[in-house]
Amino acid sequence: MYGAILGDIVGKPYEHHFKMKNKVFPLFVPASHFSDDSVMTIAIADGLLHVSKDASLDEIRSAVIRSMQYWGRKYPRAGYGGRFRSWLYEEDPQPYRSYGNGSAMRVSPVGWLYDTIERTRAVAAATADVTHNHPEGIKGAEAAASVIFMARHHASKEEIKAYVEQNFGYDLSRTVAEIRPTYQFDSSCQGTVPEAIIAFLEGTTFEDVLRTAVSLGGDCDTLTSIASAMAEAYYGMPDNLRAEVRNRIQPDMLAVVDQFDQHLGSATSGNGLTAEAGTDYLS
């Protein structure tokens, strides 16, 4: 989850305001703080930790609905869209055919928890369709979780690219250089998830993926959250950037992150990387 939360924190100040479209920018500025992307990522993790690994999809849906409403009400000013904000307070919340990128930005915990890609996709779809039951909303969540699953199982980027293209139909033949000049704000899954995957595929380190995603602009906190979640699974995360996450979220959120790490076990809770020589992560 660290990658998803960090991508949100780093990307948030540049949403709507990043016109330079390059990778040279401060990672952390006074406005660097978590938003709804991080809150809902925590919510999905917390919900899934309260059901068994083999829980039915209906049990999973019930758990994540309860958790999303709990966390959303706890952090009501995190930046939710209008329809989702209403959903958070409904007594009988129902999906509303959204194909927004919210289903993909909150799904990263699913990519870490399950043993097969089939189960990963089924659970990802269940966490999506409680709100985003449009086919594109479900597809975006499944694709993002699948990339994370494959990355943590050491699939090559070529294998990941081929799987996504064959199973989800996204055009991953474009390059960042081709996308960047004309890419604009797009909060849909179909206008965010492929670009996030391309940023991940082109990036050469965790930080390079992070910077590449932000450089595209658009809805760059969500786009970067999705791409950085993939990068964490593939590259691991430098310890100092993990520390930045821990220092920038609230204690109750941190408790879920720690519980999630403990659930996964030390083998997947971090790889002990340190910053690359010569890299200034604060500038």
Protein backbone atom coordinates (compact mmCIF):
# COMPACT_ATOMS: atom_id res chain seq x y z
CA MET A 1 0.00 0.00 0.00
CA TYR A 2 2.90 2.37 0.54
CA GLY A 3 3.32 2.96 -3.18
CA ALA A 4 -0.32 3.88 -3.70
CA ILE A 5 -0.33 6.28 -0.76
CA LEU A 6 2.96 7.90 -1.75
CA GLY A 7 1.74 8.39 -5.31
CA ASP A 8 -1.31 10.17 -3.97
CA ILE A 9 0.74 12.39 -1.65
CA VAL A 10 3.29 13.33 -4.32
CA GLY A 11 0.78 13.78 -7.13
CA LYS A 12 -1.87 15.73 -5.25
CA PRO A 13 -0.22 19.21 -5.36
CA TYR A 14 0.24 18.91 -9.12
CA GLU A 15 -3.32 17.92 -9.99
CA HIS A 16 -4.72 20.63 -12.31
CA HIS A 17 -1.58 22.73 -11.76
CA PHE A 18 1.29 20.88 -13.43
CA LYS A 19 1.87 22.48 -16.83
CA MET A 20 5.58 21.81 -17.34
CA LYS A 21 5.03 18.12 -18.08
CA ASN A 22 8.48 16.87 -17.19
CA LYS A 23 10.08 14.78 -14.46
CA VAL A 24 11.98 17.60 -12.76
CA PHE A 25 9.94 18.77 -9.77
CA PRO A 26 10.07 18.57 -5.96
CA LEU A 27 8.58 15.35 -4.66
CA PHE A 28 7.44 17.04 -1.48
CA VAL A 29 6.09 20.56 -1.10
CA PRO A 30 3.97 22.14 1.66
CA ALA A 31 0.78 20.95 -0.06
CA SER A 32 1.90 17.30 -0.16
CA HIS A 33 -0.76 15.43 1.79
CA PHE A 34 -2.99 12.40 1.38
CA SER A 35 -6.40 12.61 -0.23
CA ASP A 36 -9.36 10.33 -0.92
CA ASP A 37 -7.11 7.97 -2.88
CA SER A 38 -5.19 7.08 0.28
CA VAL A 39 -8.25 6.99 2.53
CA MET A 40 -10.05 4.53 0.25
CA THR A 41 -6.94 2.40 -0.22
CA ILE A 42 -6.77 2.10 3.57
CA ALA A 43 -10.50 1.34 3.63
CA ILE A 44 -10.19 -1.54 1.17
CA ALA A 45 -7.24 -3.00 3.08
CA ASP A 46 -9.08 -2.69 6.39
CA GLY A 47 -12.21 -4.30 4.97
CA LEU A 48 -10.32 -7.23 3.48
CA LEU A 49 -8.42 -7.80 6.71
CA HIS A 50 -11.75 -8.34 8.47
CA VAL A 51 -12.77 -11.29 6.31
CA SER A 52 -11.03 -14.55 5.61
CA LYS A 53 -8.90 -15.10 2.56
CA ASP A 54 -11.53 -17.52 1.28
CA ALA A 55 -14.53 -15.32 2.04
CA SER A 56 -17.31 -15.28 -0.52
CA LEU A 57 -17.51 -12.33 -2.86
CA ASP A 58 -20.70 -11.20 -1.15
CA GLU A 59 -18.92 -11.25 2.20
CA ILE A 60 -16.13 -9.21 0.66
CA ARG A 61 -18.59 -6.69 -0.76
CA SER A 62 -20.27 -6.27 2.61
CA ALA A 63 -16.93 -5.84 4.37
CA VAL A 64 -15.58 -3.22 1.99
CA ILE A 65 -18.85 -1.27 1.97
CA ARG A 66 -18.76 -1.05 5.77
CA SER A 67 -15.11 -0.09 5.73
CA MET A 68 -15.40 2.49 2.96
CA GLN A 69 -18.32 4.16 4.69
CA TYR A 70 -16.49 4.14 8.03
CA TRP A 71 -13.28 5.65 6.66
CA GLY A 72 -15.06 8.03 4.32
CA ARG A 73 -17.14 9.45 7.15
CA LYS A 74 -14.06 9.65 9.34
CA TYR A 75 -12.26 11.74 6.70
CA PRO A 76 -15.15 13.58 5.04
CA ARG A 77 -13.05 16.32 3.43
CA ALA A 78 -10.54 14.11 1.63
CA GLY A 79 -11.76 15.14 -1.83
CA TYR A 80 -14.43 12.64 -2.86
CA GLY A 81 -16.54 13.07 -5.95
CA GLY A 82 -20.12 14.20 -5.41
CA ARG A 83 -21.86 10.90 -6.17
CA PHE A 84 -19.42 8.90 -4.05
CA ARG A 85 -19.76 11.39 -1.20
CA SER A 86 -23.50 10.74 -1.17
CA TRP A 87 -22.91 6.96 -1.30
CA LEU A 88 -20.79 7.18 1.84
CA TYR A 89 -23.84 8.27 3.85
CA GLU A 90 -26.51 6.04 2.37
CA GLU A 91 -28.14 3.47 4.64
CA ASP A 92 -28.47 1.01 1.79
CA PRO A 93 -25.63 1.99 -0.56
CA GLN A 94 -26.04 0.82 -4.12
CA PRO A 95 -23.65 0.92 -7.09
CA TYR A 96 -24.22 3.73 -9.54
CA ARG A 97 -22.67 2.59 -12.83
CA SER A 98 -19.53 4.67 -12.42
CA TYR A 99 -16.54 4.10 -14.67
CA GLY A 100 -14.42 6.58 -12.72
CA ASN A 101 -10.85 5.80 -11.77
CA GLY A 102 -11.73 5.50 -8.08
CA SER A 103 -12.17 1.76 -8.46
CA ALA A 104 -8.58 1.38 -9.66
CA MET A 105 -6.94 3.82 -7.26
CA ARG A 106 -8.21 1.96 -4.18
CA VAL A 107 -7.58 -1.61 -5.35
CA SER A 108 -3.87 -2.07 -4.65
CA PRO A 109 -4.31 -4.14 -1.43
CA VAL A 110 -6.10 -6.79 -3.49
CA GLY A 111 -3.01 -7.30 -5.63
CA TRP A 112 -1.03 -8.38 -2.56
CA LEU A 113 -3.44 -10.62 -0.68
CA TYR A 114 -4.39 -13.54 -2.91
CA ASP A 115 -2.64 -16.58 -4.31
CA THR A 116 -3.90 -16.69 -7.88
CA ILE A 117 -4.55 -14.08 -10.51
CA GLU A 118 -8.07 -15.45 -10.98
CA ARG A 119 -8.91 -14.86 -7.32
CA THR A 120 -7.20 -11.48 -7.45
CA ARG A 121 -9.36 -10.41 -10.38
CA ALA A 122 -12.55 -11.69 -8.77
CA VAL A 123 -11.90 -9.82 -5.52
CA ALA A 124 -10.82 -6.69 -7.40
CA ALA A 125 -14.12 -6.76 -9.29
CA ALA A 126 -16.02 -7.17 -6.02
CA THR A 127 -14.29 -4.15 -4.44
CA ALA A 128 -15.12 -2.15 -7.56
CA ASP A 129 -18.71 -3.08 -8.24
CA VAL A 130 -20.06 -1.90 -4.90
CA THR A 131 -19.90 1.55 -6.52
CA HIS A 132 -18.26 1.30 -9.95
CA ASN A 133 -20.33 -1.43 -11.58
CA HIS A 134 -19.89 -0.10 -15.11
CA PRO A 135 -17.78 -2.59 -17.14
CA GLU A 136 -14.99 -0.04 -17.50
CA GLY A 137 -14.92 0.62 -13.77
CA ILE A 138 -14.62 -3.08 -13.05
CA LYS A 139 -12.05 -3.59 -15.80
CA GLY A 140 -9.85 -0.80 -14.45
CA ALA A 141 -9.76 -2.33 -10.98
CA GLU A 142 -9.06 -5.82 -12.32
CA ALA A 143 -6.27 -4.58 -14.58
CA ALA A 144 -4.53 -2.59 -11.84
CA ALA A 145 -4.72 -5.46 -9.35
CA SER A 146 -3.49 -7.93 -11.99
CA VAL A 147 -0.39 -5.85 -12.70
CA ILE A 148 0.42 -5.70 -8.98
CA PHE A 149 -0.13 -9.45 -8.61
CA MET A 150 2.14 -10.22 -11.57
CA ALA A 151 4.79 -7.74 -10.49
CA ARG A 152 5.09 -9.17 -7.00
CA HIS A 153 5.40 -12.63 -8.55
CA HIS A 154 8.38 -11.43 -10.61
CA ALA A 155 6.74 -11.40 -14.02
CA SER A 156 8.67 -9.38 -16.57
CA LYS A 157 7.29 -6.13 -17.87
CA GLU A 158 6.88 -7.76 -21.27
CA GLU A 159 4.74 -10.49 -19.71
CA ILE A 160 2.69 -7.95 -17.80
CA LYS A 161 2.14 -5.84 -20.90
CA ALA A 162 1.05 -8.86 -22.93
CA TYR A 163 -1.36 -10.05 -20.24
CA VAL A 164 -3.02 -6.66 -19.88
CA GLU A 165 -3.39 -6.17 -23.62
CA GLN A 166 -4.81 -9.65 -24.14
CA ASN A 167 -7.18 -9.65 -21.16
CA PHE A 168 -8.29 -6.04 -20.92
CA GLY A 169 -7.82 -4.62 -24.40
CA TYR A 170 -5.89 -1.52 -23.31
CA ASP A 171 -3.61 0.03 -25.91
CA LEU A 172 -0.17 -0.10 -24.29
CA SER A 173 1.72 0.50 -27.53
CA ARG A 174 1.82 4.25 -26.92
CA THR A 175 4.82 5.86 -25.26
CA VAL A 176 4.89 8.44 -22.50
CA ALA A 177 6.43 10.90 -24.96
CA GLU A 178 3.46 10.41 -27.27
CA ILE A 179 0.86 10.72 -24.50
CA ARG A 180 2.31 13.61 -22.51
CA PRO A 181 1.87 16.61 -24.87
CA THR A 182 -1.90 16.32 -25.29
CA TYR A 183 -2.95 14.39 -22.19
CA GLN A 184 -5.54 16.26 -20.14
CA PHE A 185 -7.51 15.69 -16.97
CA ASP A 186 -9.53 12.49 -17.25
CA SER A 187 -11.09 10.85 -14.21
CA SER A 188 -12.34 7.75 -16.05
CA CYS A 189 -10.73 4.33 -15.71
CA GLN A 190 -10.31 4.07 -19.47
CA GLY A 191 -8.56 7.46 -19.53
CA THR A 192 -6.31 6.81 -16.53
CA VAL A 193 -5.46 3.15 -16.01
CA PRO A 194 -3.73 2.53 -19.38
CA GLU A 195 -1.64 5.68 -18.91
CA ALA A 196 -0.68 4.60 -15.38
CA ILE A 197 0.37 1.18 -16.67
CA ILE A 198 2.43 2.78 -19.45
CA ALA A 199 4.18 5.02 -16.90
CA PHE A 200 4.98 1.90 -14.87
CA LEU A 201 6.21 -0.01 -17.91
CA GLU A 202 8.51 2.81 -19.03
CA GLY A 203 9.86 3.70 -15.59
CA THR A 204 13.28 2.35 -14.69
CA THR A 205 13.16 2.62 -10.89
CA PHE A 206 10.46 3.20 -8.30
CA GLU A 207 11.17 6.92 -8.26
CA ASP A 208 11.31 7.13 -12.04
CA VAL A 209 7.84 5.57 -12.31
CA LEU A 210 6.59 8.06 -9.74
CA ARG A 211 8.01 11.04 -11.60
CA THR A 212 6.93 9.73 -14.99
CA ALA A 213 3.34 9.36 -13.83
CA VAL A 214 3.20 12.88 -12.37
CA SER A 215 4.75 14.29 -15.55
CA LEU A 216 1.75 13.15 -17.58
CA GLY A 217 -0.44 15.66 -15.76
CA GLY A 218 -4.20 15.22 -15.77
CA ASP A 219 -5.65 13.52 -12.70
CA CYS A 220 -2.09 12.95 -11.62
CA ASP A 221 -2.63 12.11 -7.96
CA THR A 222 -4.82 9.15 -8.92
CA LEU A 223 -2.75 8.23 -11.96
CA THR A 224 0.43 8.32 -9.86
CA SER A 225 -1.20 6.38 -7.04
CA ILE A 226 -2.04 3.56 -9.47
CA ALA A 227 1.37 3.58 -11.19
CA SER A 228 3.33 3.77 -7.93
CA ALA A 229 1.38 0.86 -6.46
CA MET A 230 2.56 -1.19 -9.43
CA ALA A 231 6.12 0.10 -9.06
CA GLU A 232 6.25 -0.89 -5.39
CA ALA A 233 5.30 -4.46 -6.28
CA TYR A 234 7.93 -4.59 -9.03
CA TYR A 235 10.87 -2.65 -7.56
CA GLY A 236 10.17 -2.43 -3.86
CA MET A 237 10.40 0.98 -2.22
CA PRO A 238 13.33 2.92 -0.80
CA ASP A 239 13.17 3.01 2.98
CA ASN A 240 13.29 6.79 3.15
CA LEU A 241 10.21 7.08 0.92
CA ARG A 242 8.39 4.53 3.06
CA ALA A 243 9.28 6.74 6.02
CA GLU A 244 7.77 9.73 4.24
CA VAL A 245 4.49 7.85 3.93
CA ARG A 246 4.54 6.91 7.61
CA ASN A 247 5.16 10.53 8.57
CA ARG A 248 2.39 11.93 6.37
CA ILE A 249 -0.62 9.80 7.26
CA GLN A 250 -2.68 9.72 10.44
CA PRO A 251 -2.03 7.22 13.27
CA ASP A 252 -5.25 5.30 12.60
CA MET A 253 -4.29 4.92 8.94
CA LEU A 254 -0.79 3.85 9.90
CA ALA A 255 -2.24 1.18 12.17
CA VAL A 256 -3.99 -0.42 9.17
CA VAL A 257 -0.80 -0.23 7.09
CA ASP A 258 1.11 -1.99 9.87
CA GLN A 259 -1.59 -4.61 10.29
CA PHE A 260 -1.54 -5.22 6.54
CA ASP A 261 2.24 -5.65 6.58
CA GLN A 262 2.01 -8.05 9.51
CA HIS A 263 -0.65 -10.03 7.69
CA LEU A 264 1.55 -10.36 4.61
CA GLY A 265 4.63 -11.21 6.63
CA SER A 266 8.08 -9.72 6.56
CA ALA A 267 8.92 -11.24 3.17
CA THR A 268 6.56 -8.84 1.40
CA SER A 269 6.45 -5.88 3.77
CA GLY A 270 9.56 -4.25 2.29
CA ASN A 271 12.82 -5.15 0.68
CA GLY A 272 15.14 -2.90 2.63
CA LEU A 273 16.07 -0.73 -0.33
CA THR A 274 17.76 2.56 0.31
CA ALA A 275 17.87 5.61 -1.91
CA GLU A 276 20.05 5.36 -4.98
CA ALA A 277 23.36 7.14 -4.65
CA GLY A 278 23.17 10.76 -5.67
CA THR A 279 19.39 10.94 -5.56
CA ASP A 280 17.84 13.79 -3.60
CA TYR A 281 14.33 12.59 -2.77
CA LEU A 282 13.30 15.95 -1.35
CA SER A 283 14.07 18.05 -4.39
